[in-house]
Amino acid sequence: MKKSSRLHIPKEPQEVKEWIRSIEQMSSKTPDAKWENLNVWYGNQLPKYLWAEWKDVLKPRGFTWQKFLKVLRQRTDMILLWYKGAYSWEQFVEETIKLIEGPLGEEIAKRK
């Protein structure tokens, strides 16, 4: 049976949200630092989860782990919206898929 070449919406990773919350509680509250942005990227928990779900589809398209991270980093705001509850998991994943499959994602995938 051939694997699908489409990106699917994986199950929402509650453990990743809990991880980000735990990092947020441990991080300093220095007013001039953008801790929220750092907290969602600390340990790359969300990218690791999505890469594990999608790498079999993305690798044939030219994506590597590094290229995948470059695409996701373009929209840290979407990760924050999901984490803060302003985006549902489905909204976040659909926007992420559009980003990956859109012109920016295609361009990053083609880079050497």
PDB file of N, CA and C in Angstrom:
ATOM      1  N   MET A   1       0.837  -1.187   0.000  1.00  0.00           N
ATOM      2  CA  MET A   1       0.000   0.000   0.000  1.00  0.00           C
ATOM      3  C   MET A   1       0.881   1.248   0.000  1.00  0.00           C
ATOM      4  N   LYS A   2       0.634   2.147  -0.916  1.00  0.00           N
ATOM      5  CA  LYS A   2       1.421   3.365  -1.054  1.00  0.00           C
ATOM      6  C   LYS A   2       1.038   4.374   0.025  1.00  0.00           C
ATOM      7  N   LYS A   3       2.094   4.989   0.622  1.00  0.00           N
ATOM      8  CA  LYS A   3       1.832   6.038   1.628  1.00  0.00           C
ATOM      9  C   LYS A   3       1.290   7.281   0.941  1.00  0.00           C
ATOM     10  N   SER A   4       0.451   7.985   1.648  1.00  0.00           N
ATOM     11  CA  SER A   4      -0.109   9.226   1.124  1.00  0.00           C
ATOM     12  C   SER A   4       0.985  10.268   0.965  1.00  0.00           C
ATOM     13  N   SER A   5       0.881  11.058  -0.101  1.00  0.00           N
ATOM     14  CA  SER A   5       1.865  12.116  -0.308  1.00  0.00           C
ATOM     15  C   SER A   5       1.317  13.457   0.165  1.00  0.00           C
ATOM     16  N   ARG A   6       0.283  13.391   0.974  1.00  0.00           N
ATOM     17  CA  ARG A   6      -0.322  14.610   1.530  1.00  0.00           C
ATOM     18  C   ARG A   6      -0.004  14.694   3.016  1.00  0.00           C
ATOM     19  N   LEU A   7       0.117  15.906   3.490  1.00  0.00           N
ATOM     20  CA  LEU A   7       0.335  16.112   4.917  1.00  0.00           C
ATOM     21  C   LEU A   7      -1.008  16.005   5.635  1.00  0.00           C
ATOM     22  N   HIS A   8      -1.031  15.264   6.704  1.00  0.00           N
ATOM     23  CA  HIS A   8      -2.259  15.051   7.468  1.00  0.00           C
ATOM     24  C   HIS A   8      -2.231  15.902   8.740  1.00  0.00           C
ATOM     25  N   ILE A   9      -3.378  15.999   9.378  1.00  0.00           N
ATOM     26  CA  ILE A   9      -3.467  16.691  10.662  1.00  0.00           C
ATOM     27  C   ILE A   9      -3.274  15.635  11.750  1.00  0.00           C
ATOM     28  N   PRO A  10      -2.104  15.668  12.411  1.00  0.00           N
ATOM     29  CA  PRO A  10      -1.874  14.676  13.466  1.00  0.00           C
ATOM     30  C   PRO A  10      -2.651  15.027  14.733  1.00  0.00           C
ATOM     31  N   LYS A  11      -2.691  14.080  15.640  1.00  0.00           N
ATOM     32  CA  LYS A  11      -3.337  14.284  16.935  1.00  0.00           C
ATOM     33  C   LYS A  11      -2.641  15.441  17.662  1.00  0.00           C
ATOM     34  N   GLU A  12      -3.418  16.268  18.350  1.00  0.00           N
ATOM     35  CA  GLU A  12      -2.840  17.400  19.070  1.00  0.00           C
ATOM     36  C   GLU A  12      -1.933  16.894  20.192  1.00  0.00           C
ATOM     37  N   PRO A  13      -0.689  17.378  20.229  1.00  0.00           N
ATOM     38  CA  PRO A  13       0.263  16.894  21.226  1.00  0.00           C
ATOM     39  C   PRO A  13       0.154  17.656  22.556  1.00  0.00           C
ATOM     40  N   GLN A  14      -0.720  17.223  23.413  1.00  0.00           N
ATOM     41  CA  GLN A  14      -0.900  17.893  24.709  1.00  0.00           C
ATOM     42  C   GLN A  14       0.395  17.918  25.512  1.00  0.00           C
ATOM     43  N   GLU A  15       1.224  16.871  25.346  1.00  0.00           N
ATOM     44  CA  GLU A  15       2.485  16.819  26.074  1.00  0.00           C
ATOM     45  C   GLU A  15       3.424  17.951  25.653  1.00  0.00           C
ATOM     46  N   VAL A  16       3.321  18.392  24.405  1.00  0.00           N
ATOM     47  CA  VAL A  16       4.142  19.517  23.938  1.00  0.00           C
ATOM     48  C   VAL A  16       3.664  20.811  24.590  1.00  0.00           C
ATOM     49  N   LYS A  17       2.361  20.991  24.658  1.00  0.00           N
ATOM     50  CA  LYS A  17       1.816  22.180  25.338  1.00  0.00           C
ATOM     51  C   LYS A  17       2.265  22.213  26.796  1.00  0.00           C
ATOM     52  N   GLU A  18       2.206  21.059  27.451  1.00  0.00           N
ATOM     53  CA  GLU A  18       2.638  20.975  28.855  1.00  0.00           C
ATOM     54  C   GLU A  18       4.131  21.280  28.978  1.00  0.00           C
ATOM     55  N   TRP A  19       4.921  20.814  28.031  1.00  0.00           N
ATOM     56  CA  TRP A  19       6.360  21.087  28.014  1.00  0.00           C
ATOM     57  C   TRP A  19       6.601  22.600  27.936  1.00  0.00           C
ATOM     58  N   ILE A  20       5.913  23.265  27.016  1.00  0.00           N
ATOM     59  CA  ILE A  20       6.073  24.719  26.851  1.00  0.00           C
ATOM     60  C   ILE A  20       5.651  25.433  28.133  1.00  0.00           C
ATOM     61  N   ARG A  21       4.547  24.988  28.739  1.00  0.00           N
ATOM     62  CA  ARG A  21       4.092  25.586  30.004  1.00  0.00           C
ATOM     63  C   ARG A  21       5.153  25.447  31.089  1.00  0.00           C
ATOM     64  N   SER A  22       5.773  24.264  31.161  1.00  0.00           N
ATOM     65  CA  SER A  22       6.784  24.045  32.206  1.00  0.00           C
ATOM     66  C   SER A  22       8.007  24.930  31.971  1.00  0.00           C
ATOM     67  N   ILE A  23       8.385  25.120  30.706  1.00  0.00           N
ATOM     68  CA  ILE A  23       9.512  26.005  30.382  1.00  0.00           C
ATOM     69  C   ILE A  23       9.140  27.439  30.730  1.00  0.00           C
ATOM     70  N   GLU A  24       7.907  27.821  30.422  1.00  0.00           N
ATOM     71  CA  GLU A  24       7.437  29.173  30.708  1.00  0.00           C
ATOM     72  C   GLU A  24       7.498  29.459  32.214  1.00  0.00           C
ATOM     73  N   GLN A  25       7.136  28.483  33.017  1.00  0.00           N
ATOM     74  CA  GLN A  25       7.151  28.675  34.471  1.00  0.00           C
ATOM     75  C   GLN A  25       8.568  28.799  35.013  1.00  0.00           C
ATOM     76  N   MET A  26       9.529  28.168  34.350  1.00  0.00           N
ATOM     77  CA  MET A  26      10.923  28.215  34.809  1.00  0.00           C
ATOM     78  C   MET A  26      11.680  29.429  34.286  1.00  0.00           C
ATOM     79  N   SER A  27      11.207  30.029  33.200  1.00  0.00           N
ATOM     80  CA  SER A  27      11.963  31.120  32.582  1.00  0.00           C
ATOM     81  C   SER A  27      11.827  32.407  33.375  1.00  0.00           C
ATOM     82  N   SER A  28      12.854  33.181  33.286  1.00  0.00           N
ATOM     83  CA  SER A  28      12.897  34.475  33.971  1.00  0.00           C
ATOM     84  C   SER A  28      11.854  35.407  33.373  1.00  0.00           C
ATOM     85  N   LYS A  29      11.403  36.322  34.152  1.00  0.00           N
ATOM     86  CA  LYS A  29      10.396  37.273  33.674  1.00  0.00           C
ATOM     87  C   LYS A  29      11.026  38.630  33.365  1.00  0.00           C
ATOM     88  N   THR A  30      12.218  38.621  32.791  1.00  0.00           N
ATOM     89  CA  THR A  30      12.883  39.860  32.410  1.00  0.00           C
ATOM     90  C   THR A  30      12.011  40.592  31.399  1.00  0.00           C
ATOM     91  N   PRO A  31      11.657  41.842  31.670  1.00  0.00           N
ATOM     92  CA  PRO A  31      10.707  42.542  30.798  1.00  0.00           C
ATOM     93  C   PRO A  31      11.205  42.781  29.372  1.00  0.00           C
ATOM     94  N   ASP A  32      12.502  42.883  29.157  1.00  0.00           N
ATOM     95  CA  ASP A  32      12.984  43.196  27.811  1.00  0.00           C
ATOM     96  C   ASP A  32      13.256  41.959  26.952  1.00  0.00           C
ATOM     97  N   ALA A  33      13.037  40.782  27.472  1.00  0.00           N
ATOM     98  CA  ALA A  33      13.266  39.555  26.704  1.00  0.00           C
ATOM     99  C   ALA A  33      11.946  39.030  26.142  1.00  0.00           C
ATOM    100  N   LYS A  34      11.997  38.452  24.949  1.00  0.00           N
ATOM    101  CA  LYS A  34      10.804  37.856  24.337  1.00  0.00           C
ATOM    102  C   LYS A  34      10.752  36.382  24.738  1.00  0.00           C
ATOM    103  N   TRP A  35      10.418  36.147  25.995  1.00  0.00           N
ATOM    104  CA  TRP A  35      10.433  34.791  26.531  1.00  0.00           C
ATOM    105  C   TRP A  35       9.429  33.882  25.834  1.00  0.00           C
ATOM    106  N   GLU A  36       8.286  34.406  25.456  1.00  0.00           N
ATOM    107  CA  GLU A  36       7.285  33.556  24.801  1.00  0.00           C
ATOM    108  C   GLU A  36       7.865  32.888  23.568  1.00  0.00           C
ATOM    109  N   ASN A  37       8.549  33.670  22.730  1.00  0.00           N
ATOM    110  CA  ASN A  37       9.152  33.115  21.516  1.00  0.00           C
ATOM    111  C   ASN A  37      10.187  32.050  21.860  1.00  0.00           C
ATOM    112  N   LEU A  38      11.024  32.338  22.848  1.00  0.00           N
ATOM    113  CA  LEU A  38      12.051  31.373  23.241  1.00  0.00           C
ATOM    114  C   LEU A  38      11.425  30.122  23.835  1.00  0.00           C
ATOM    115  N   ASN A  39      10.390  30.291  24.630  1.00  0.00           N
ATOM    116  CA  ASN A  39       9.755  29.143  25.286  1.00  0.00           C
ATOM    117  C   ASN A  39       9.177  28.153  24.288  1.00  0.00           C
ATOM    118  N   VAL A  40       8.529  28.636  23.218  1.00  0.00           N
ATOM    119  CA  VAL A  40       7.915  27.702  22.264  1.00  0.00           C
ATOM    120  C   VAL A  40       8.969  26.967  21.437  1.00  0.00           C
ATOM    121  N   TRP A  41      10.169  27.525  21.330  1.00  0.00           N
ATOM    122  CA  TRP A  41      11.227  26.871  20.563  1.00  0.00           C
ATOM    123  C   TRP A  41      12.183  26.045  21.414  1.00  0.00           C
ATOM    124  N   TYR A  42      12.195  26.253  22.717  1.00  0.00           N
ATOM    125  CA  TYR A  42      13.132  25.549  23.590  1.00  0.00           C
ATOM    126  C   TYR A  42      12.962  24.033  23.445  1.00  0.00           C
ATOM    127  N   GLY A  43      14.030  23.356  23.074  1.00  0.00           N
ATOM    128  CA  GLY A  43      13.981  21.903  22.905  1.00  0.00           C
ATOM    129  C   GLY A  43      13.342  21.435  21.613  1.00  0.00           C
ATOM    130  N   ASN A  44      12.833  22.350  20.807  1.00  0.00           N
ATOM    131  CA  ASN A  44      12.208  22.012  19.516  1.00  0.00           C
ATOM    132  C   ASN A  44      11.145  20.923  19.635  1.00  0.00           C
ATOM    133  N   GLN A  45      10.404  20.910  20.723  1.00  0.00           N
ATOM    134  CA  GLN A  45       9.432  19.834  20.938  1.00  0.00           C
ATOM    135  C   GLN A  45       8.338  19.772  19.871  1.00  0.00           C
ATOM    136  N   LEU A  46       7.772  20.913  19.507  1.00  0.00           N
ATOM    137  CA  LEU A  46       6.720  20.904  18.488  1.00  0.00           C
ATOM    138  C   LEU A  46       7.279  20.546  17.113  1.00  0.00           C
ATOM    139  N   PRO A  47       8.395  21.147  16.680  1.00  0.00           N
ATOM    140  CA  PRO A  47       8.956  20.730  15.390  1.00  0.00           C
ATOM    141  C   PRO A  47       9.317  19.238  15.348  1.00  0.00           C
ATOM    142  N   LYS A  48       9.849  18.706  16.441  1.00  0.00           N
ATOM    143  CA  LYS A  48      10.188  17.270  16.479  1.00  0.00           C
ATOM    144  C   LYS A  48       8.942  16.420  16.280  1.00  0.00           C
ATOM    145  N   TYR A  49       7.870  16.821  16.936  1.00  0.00           N
ATOM    146  CA  TYR A  49       6.617  16.079  16.830  1.00  0.00           C
ATOM    147  C   TYR A  49       6.104  16.103  15.381  1.00  0.00           C
ATOM    148  N   LEU A  50       6.061  17.299  14.787  1.00  0.00           N
ATOM    149  CA  LEU A  50       5.547  17.420  13.417  1.00  0.00           C
ATOM    150  C   LEU A  50       6.471  16.733  12.416  1.00  0.00           C
ATOM    151  N   TRP A  51       7.774  16.839  12.603  1.00  0.00           N
ATOM    152  CA  TRP A  51       8.722  16.186  11.689  1.00  0.00           C
ATOM    153  C   TRP A  51       8.531  14.669  11.742  1.00  0.00           C
ATOM    154  N   ALA A  52       8.347  14.122  12.918  1.00  0.00           N
ATOM    155  CA  ALA A  52       8.121  12.678  13.044  1.00  0.00           C
ATOM    156  C   ALA A  52       6.853  12.256  12.286  1.00  0.00           C
ATOM    157  N   GLU A  53       5.846  13.106  12.313  1.00  0.00           N
ATOM    158  CA  GLU A  53       4.582  12.806  11.627  1.00  0.00           C
ATOM    159  C   GLU A  53       4.690  12.964  10.107  1.00  0.00           C
ATOM    160  N   TRP A  54       5.489  13.927   9.651  1.00  0.00           N
ATOM    161  CA  TRP A  54       5.468  14.330   8.240  1.00  0.00           C
ATOM    162  C   TRP A  54       6.735  14.033   7.440  1.00  0.00           C
ATOM    163  N   LYS A  55       7.811  13.599   8.077  1.00  0.00           N
ATOM    164  CA  LYS A  55       9.084  13.492   7.349  1.00  0.00           C
ATOM    165  C   LYS A  55       9.021  12.570   6.131  1.00  0.00           C
ATOM    166  N   ASP A  56       8.228  11.512   6.197  1.00  0.00           N
ATOM    167  CA  ASP A  56       8.149  10.598   5.050  1.00  0.00           C
ATOM    168  C   ASP A  56       7.526  11.255   3.828  1.00  0.00           C
ATOM    169  N   VAL A  57       6.708  12.260   4.043  1.00  0.00           N
ATOM    170  CA  VAL A  57       6.109  13.015   2.938  1.00  0.00           C
ATOM    171  C   VAL A  57       7.040  14.161   2.523  1.00  0.00           C
ATOM    172  N   LEU A  58       7.686  14.793   3.487  1.00  0.00           N
ATOM    173  CA  LEU A  58       8.494  15.984   3.203  1.00  0.00           C
ATOM    174  C   LEU A  58       9.858  15.685   2.592  1.00  0.00           C
ATOM    175  N   LYS A  59      10.495  14.600   2.998  1.00  0.00           N
ATOM    176  CA  LYS A  59      11.834  14.295   2.460  1.00  0.00           C
ATOM    177  C   LYS A  59      11.838  14.171   0.936  1.00  0.00           C
ATOM    178  N   PRO A  60      10.885  13.446   0.332  1.00  0.00           N
ATOM    179  CA  PRO A  60      10.879  13.368  -1.133  1.00  0.00           C
ATOM    180  C   PRO A  60      10.648  14.724  -1.819  1.00  0.00           C
ATOM    181  N   ARG A  61      10.115  15.683  -1.085  1.00  0.00           N
ATOM    182  CA  ARG A  61       9.883  17.029  -1.629  1.00  0.00           C
ATOM    183  C   ARG A  61      11.118  17.916  -1.485  1.00  0.00           C
ATOM    184  N   GLY A  62      12.187  17.377  -0.885  1.00  0.00           N
ATOM    185  CA  GLY A  62      13.421  18.144  -0.744  1.00  0.00           C
ATOM    186  C   GLY A  62      13.659  18.721   0.633  1.00  0.00           C
ATOM    187  N   PHE A  63      12.777  18.429   1.574  1.00  0.00           N
ATOM    188  CA  PHE A  63      12.948  18.964   2.923  1.00  0.00           C
ATOM    189  C   PHE A  63      13.913  18.112   3.738  1.00  0.00           C
ATOM    190  N   THR A  64      14.717  18.790   4.522  1.00  0.00           N
ATOM    191  CA  THR A  64      15.534  18.176   5.560  1.00  0.00           C
ATOM    192  C   THR A  64      15.006  18.722   6.883  1.00  0.00           C
ATOM    193  N   TRP A  65      15.502  18.198   7.982  1.00  0.00           N
ATOM    194  CA  TRP A  65      15.125  18.713   9.297  1.00  0.00           C
ATOM    195  C   TRP A  65      15.419  20.207   9.381  1.00  0.00           C
ATOM    196  N   GLN A  66      16.597  20.616   8.901  1.00  0.00           N
ATOM    197  CA  GLN A  66      17.005  22.020   8.970  1.00  0.00           C
ATOM    198  C   GLN A  66      16.091  22.921   8.135  1.00  0.00           C
ATOM    199  N   LYS A  67      15.746  22.470   6.954  1.00  0.00           N
ATOM    200  CA  LYS A  67      14.853  23.257   6.095  1.00  0.00           C
ATOM    201  C   LYS A  67      13.452  23.350   6.705  1.00  0.00           C
ATOM    202  N   PHE A  68      13.015  22.261   7.305  1.00  0.00           N
ATOM    203  CA  PHE A  68      11.714  22.242   7.974  1.00  0.00           C
ATOM    204  C   PHE A  68      11.686  23.280   9.098  1.00  0.00           C
ATOM    205  N   LEU A  69      12.758  23.331   9.888  1.00  0.00           N
ATOM    206  CA  LEU A  69      12.850  24.326  10.962  1.00  0.00           C
ATOM    207  C   LEU A  69      12.823  25.747  10.408  1.00  0.00           C
ATOM    208  N   LYS A  70      13.518  25.969   9.289  1.00  0.00           N
ATOM    209  CA  LYS A  70      13.530  27.314   8.688  1.00  0.00           C
ATOM    210  C   LYS A  70      12.125  27.764   8.316  1.00  0.00           C
ATOM    211  N   VAL A  71      11.342  26.854   7.775  1.00  0.00           N
ATOM    212  CA  VAL A  71       9.964  27.199   7.396  1.00  0.00           C
ATOM    213  C   VAL A  71       9.141  27.506   8.644  1.00  0.00           C
ATOM    214  N   LEU A  72       9.210  26.636   9.643  1.00  0.00           N
ATOM    215  CA  LEU A  72       8.413  26.853  10.851  1.00  0.00           C
ATOM    216  C   LEU A  72       8.794  28.138  11.569  1.00  0.00           C
ATOM    217  N   ARG A  73      10.059  28.476  11.574  1.00  0.00           N
ATOM    218  CA  ARG A  73      10.507  29.688  12.271  1.00  0.00           C
ATOM    219  C   ARG A  73       9.946  30.960  11.638  1.00  0.00           C
ATOM    220  N   GLN A  74       9.506  30.868  10.397  1.00  0.00           N
ATOM    221  CA  GLN A  74       8.899  32.028   9.743  1.00  0.00           C
ATOM    222  C   GLN A  74       7.585  32.418  10.414  1.00  0.00           C
ATOM    223  N   ARG A  75       6.990  31.470  11.108  1.00  0.00           N
ATOM    224  CA  ARG A  75       5.663  31.732  11.695  1.00  0.00           C
ATOM    225  C   ARG A  75       5.600  31.321  13.171  1.00  0.00           C
ATOM    226  N   THR A  76       6.561  31.789  13.937  1.00  0.00           N
ATOM    227  CA  THR A  76       6.516  31.582  15.383  1.00  0.00           C
ATOM    228  C   THR A  76       5.191  32.092  15.950  1.00  0.00           C
ATOM    229  N   ASP A  77       4.661  33.132  15.328  1.00  0.00           N
ATOM    230  CA  ASP A  77       3.388  33.690  15.788  1.00  0.00           C
ATOM    231  C   ASP A  77       2.258  32.656  15.763  1.00  0.00           C
ATOM    232  N   MET A  78       2.256  31.784  14.755  1.00  0.00           N
ATOM    233  CA  MET A  78       1.207  30.757  14.683  1.00  0.00           C
ATOM    234  C   MET A  78       1.349  29.759  15.829  1.00  0.00           C
ATOM    235  N   ILE A  79       2.586  29.428  16.177  1.00  0.00           N
ATOM    236  CA  ILE A  79       2.814  28.506  17.293  1.00  0.00           C
ATOM    237  C   ILE A  79       2.304  29.141  18.586  1.00  0.00           C
ATOM    238  N   LEU A  80       2.606  30.423  18.761  1.00  0.00           N
ATOM    239  CA  LEU A  80       2.129  31.132  19.954  1.00  0.00           C
ATOM    240  C   LEU A  80       0.607  31.193  19.997  1.00  0.00           C
ATOM    241  N   LEU A  81      -0.030  31.440  18.856  1.00  0.00           N
ATOM    242  CA  LEU A  81      -1.491  31.488  18.807  1.00  0.00           C
ATOM    243  C   LEU A  81      -2.093  30.151  19.225  1.00  0.00           C
ATOM    244  N   TRP A  82      -1.486  29.048  18.766  1.00  0.00           N
ATOM    245  CA  TRP A  82      -1.962  27.725  19.172  1.00  0.00           C
ATOM    246  C   TRP A  82      -1.724  27.512  20.667  1.00  0.00           C
ATOM    247  N   TYR A  83      -0.514  27.778  21.108  1.00  0.00           N
ATOM    248  CA  TYR A  83      -0.161  27.559  22.510  1.00  0.00           C
ATOM    249  C   TYR A  83      -1.047  28.372  23.452  1.00  0.00           C
ATOM    250  N   LYS A  84      -1.345  29.597  23.079  1.00  0.00           N
ATOM    251  CA  LYS A  84      -2.159  30.481  23.926  1.00  0.00           C
ATOM    252  C   LYS A  84      -3.661  30.202  23.810  1.00  0.00           C
ATOM    253  N   GLY A  85      -4.048  29.339  22.863  1.00  0.00           N
ATOM    254  CA  GLY A  85      -5.455  28.987  22.717  1.00  0.00           C
ATOM    255  C   GLY A  85      -6.240  29.859  21.753  1.00  0.00           C
ATOM    256  N   ALA A  86      -5.566  30.788  21.077  1.00  0.00           N
ATOM    257  CA  ALA A  86      -6.260  31.650  20.108  1.00  0.00           C
ATOM    258  C   ALA A  86      -6.495  30.919  18.786  1.00  0.00           C
ATOM    259  N   TYR A  87      -5.686  29.901  18.501  1.00  0.00           N
ATOM    260  CA  TYR A  87      -5.857  29.035  17.329  1.00  0.00           C
ATOM    261  C   TYR A  87      -6.160  27.633  17.841  1.00  0.00           C
ATOM    262  N   SER A  88      -7.060  26.954  17.175  1.00  0.00           N
ATOM    263  CA  SER A  88      -7.251  25.533  17.470  1.00  0.00           C
ATOM    264  C   SER A  88      -6.063  24.785  16.850  1.00  0.00           C
ATOM    265  N   TRP A  89      -5.875  23.557  17.267  1.00  0.00           N
ATOM    266  CA  TRP A  89      -4.812  22.732  16.693  1.00  0.00           C
ATOM    267  C   TRP A  89      -5.014  22.607  15.183  1.00  0.00           C
ATOM    268  N   GLU A  90      -6.256  22.404  14.754  1.00  0.00           N
ATOM    269  CA  GLU A  90      -6.548  22.254  13.328  1.00  0.00           C
ATOM    270  C   GLU A  90      -6.187  23.523  12.557  1.00  0.00           C
ATOM    271  N   GLN A  91      -6.533  24.694  13.112  1.00  0.00           N
ATOM    272  CA  GLN A  91      -6.172  25.957  12.444  1.00  0.00           C
ATOM    273  C   GLN A  91      -4.658  26.073  12.309  1.00  0.00           C
ATOM    274  N   PHE A  92      -3.959  25.799  13.388  1.00  0.00           N
ATOM    275  CA  PHE A  92      -2.499  25.893  13.369  1.00  0.00           C
ATOM    276  C   PHE A  92      -1.906  24.955  12.319  1.00  0.00           C
ATOM    277  N   VAL A  93      -2.343  23.696  12.312  1.00  0.00           N
ATOM    278  CA  VAL A  93      -1.773  22.721  11.377  1.00  0.00           C
ATOM    279  C   VAL A  93      -2.131  23.077   9.935  1.00  0.00           C
ATOM    280  N   GLU A  94      -3.364  23.500   9.686  1.00  0.00           N
ATOM    281  CA  GLU A  94      -3.751  23.884   8.321  1.00  0.00           C
ATOM    282  C   GLU A  94      -2.912  25.066   7.819  1.00  0.00           C
ATOM    283  N   GLU A  95      -2.678  26.060   8.671  1.00  0.00           N
ATOM    284  CA  GLU A  95      -1.836  27.199   8.292  1.00  0.00           C
ATOM    285  C   GLU A  95      -0.389  26.755   8.050  1.00  0.00           C
ATOM    286  N   THR A  96       0.087  25.835   8.870  1.00  0.00           N
ATOM    287  CA  THR A  96       1.449  25.322   8.721  1.00  0.00           C
ATOM    288  C   THR A  96       1.587  24.553   7.412  1.00  0.00           C
ATOM    289  N   ILE A  97       0.599  23.750   7.075  1.00  0.00           N
ATOM    290  CA  ILE A  97       0.628  23.009   5.813  1.00  0.00           C
ATOM    291  C   ILE A  97       0.626  23.985   4.635  1.00  0.00           C
ATOM    292  N   LYS A  98      -0.206  25.030   4.705  1.00  0.00           N
ATOM    293  CA  LYS A  98      -0.221  26.042   3.632  1.00  0.00           C
ATOM    294  C   LYS A  98       1.151  26.692   3.484  1.00  0.00           C
ATOM    295  N   LEU A  99       1.806  26.962   4.595  1.00  0.00           N
ATOM    296  CA  LEU A  99       3.134  27.566   4.563  1.00  0.00           C
ATOM    297  C   LEU A  99       4.146  26.623   3.912  1.00  0.00           C
ATOM    298  N   ILE A 100       4.127  25.358   4.305  1.00  0.00           N
ATOM    299  CA  ILE A 100       5.059  24.369   3.757  1.00  0.00           C
ATOM    300  C   ILE A 100       4.827  24.157   2.262  1.00  0.00           C
ATOM    301  N   GLU A 101       3.563  24.081   1.863  1.00  0.00           N
ATOM    302  CA  GLU A 101       3.228  23.784   0.474  1.00  0.00           C
ATOM    303  C   GLU A 101       3.176  25.028  -0.404  1.00  0.00           C
ATOM    304  N   GLY A 102       3.264  26.191   0.209  1.00  0.00           N
ATOM    305  CA  GLY A 102       3.216  27.445  -0.536  1.00  0.00           C
ATOM    306  C   GLY A 102       4.565  27.831  -1.111  1.00  0.00           C
ATOM    307  N   PRO A 103       4.638  29.014  -1.712  1.00  0.00           N
ATOM    308  CA  PRO A 103       5.864  29.463  -2.380  1.00  0.00           C
ATOM    309  C   PRO A 103       7.091  29.498  -1.466  1.00  0.00           C
ATOM    310  N   LEU A 104       6.940  29.951  -0.218  1.00  0.00           N
ATOM    311  CA  LEU A 104       8.092  30.015   0.683  1.00  0.00           C
ATOM    312  C   LEU A 104       8.615  28.618   1.000  1.00  0.00           C
ATOM    313  N   GLY A 105       7.718  27.726   1.346  1.00  0.00           N
ATOM    314  CA  GLY A 105       8.117  26.339   1.647  1.00  0.00           C
ATOM    315  C   GLY A 105       8.791  25.672   0.462  1.00  0.00           C
ATOM    316  N   GLU A 106       8.206  25.859  -0.726  1.00  0.00           N
ATOM    317  CA  GLU A 106       8.789  25.276  -1.940  1.00  0.00           C
ATOM    318  C   GLU A 106      10.187  25.826  -2.185  1.00  0.00           C
ATOM    319  N   GLU A 107      10.339  27.125  -1.976  1.00  0.00           N
ATOM    320  CA  GLU A 107      11.640  27.753  -2.229  1.00  0.00           C
ATOM    321  C   GLU A 107      12.704  27.249  -1.257  1.00  0.00           C
ATOM    322  N   ILE A 108      12.344  27.156   0.011  1.00  0.00           N
ATOM    323  CA  ILE A 108      13.298  26.665   1.017  1.00  0.00           C
ATOM    324  C   ILE A 108      13.648  25.198   0.741  1.00  0.00           C
ATOM    325  N   ALA A 109      12.682  24.397   0.325  1.00  0.00           N
ATOM    326  CA  ALA A 109      12.942  22.992   0.019  1.00  0.00           C
ATOM    327  C   ALA A 109      13.926  22.822  -1.132  1.00  0.00           C
ATOM    328  N   LYS A 110      13.930  23.756  -2.082  1.00  0.00           N
ATOM    329  CA  LYS A 110      14.804  23.663  -3.270  1.00  0.00           C
ATOM    330  C   LYS A 110      16.244  24.081  -2.982  1.00  0.00           C
ATOM    331  N   ARG A 111      16.459  24.852  -1.913  1.00  0.00           N
ATOM    332  CA  ARG A 111      17.800  25.349  -1.611  1.00  0.00           C
ATOM    333  C   ARG A 111      18.771  24.219  -1.330  1.00  0.00           C
ATOM    334  N   LYS A 112      20.020  24.460  -1.687  1.00  0.00           N
ATOM    335  CA  LYS A 112      21.072  23.455  -1.428  1.00  0.00           C
ATOM    336  C   LYS A 112      21.536  23.529  -0.009  1.00  0.00           C
TER     337      LYS A 112
END
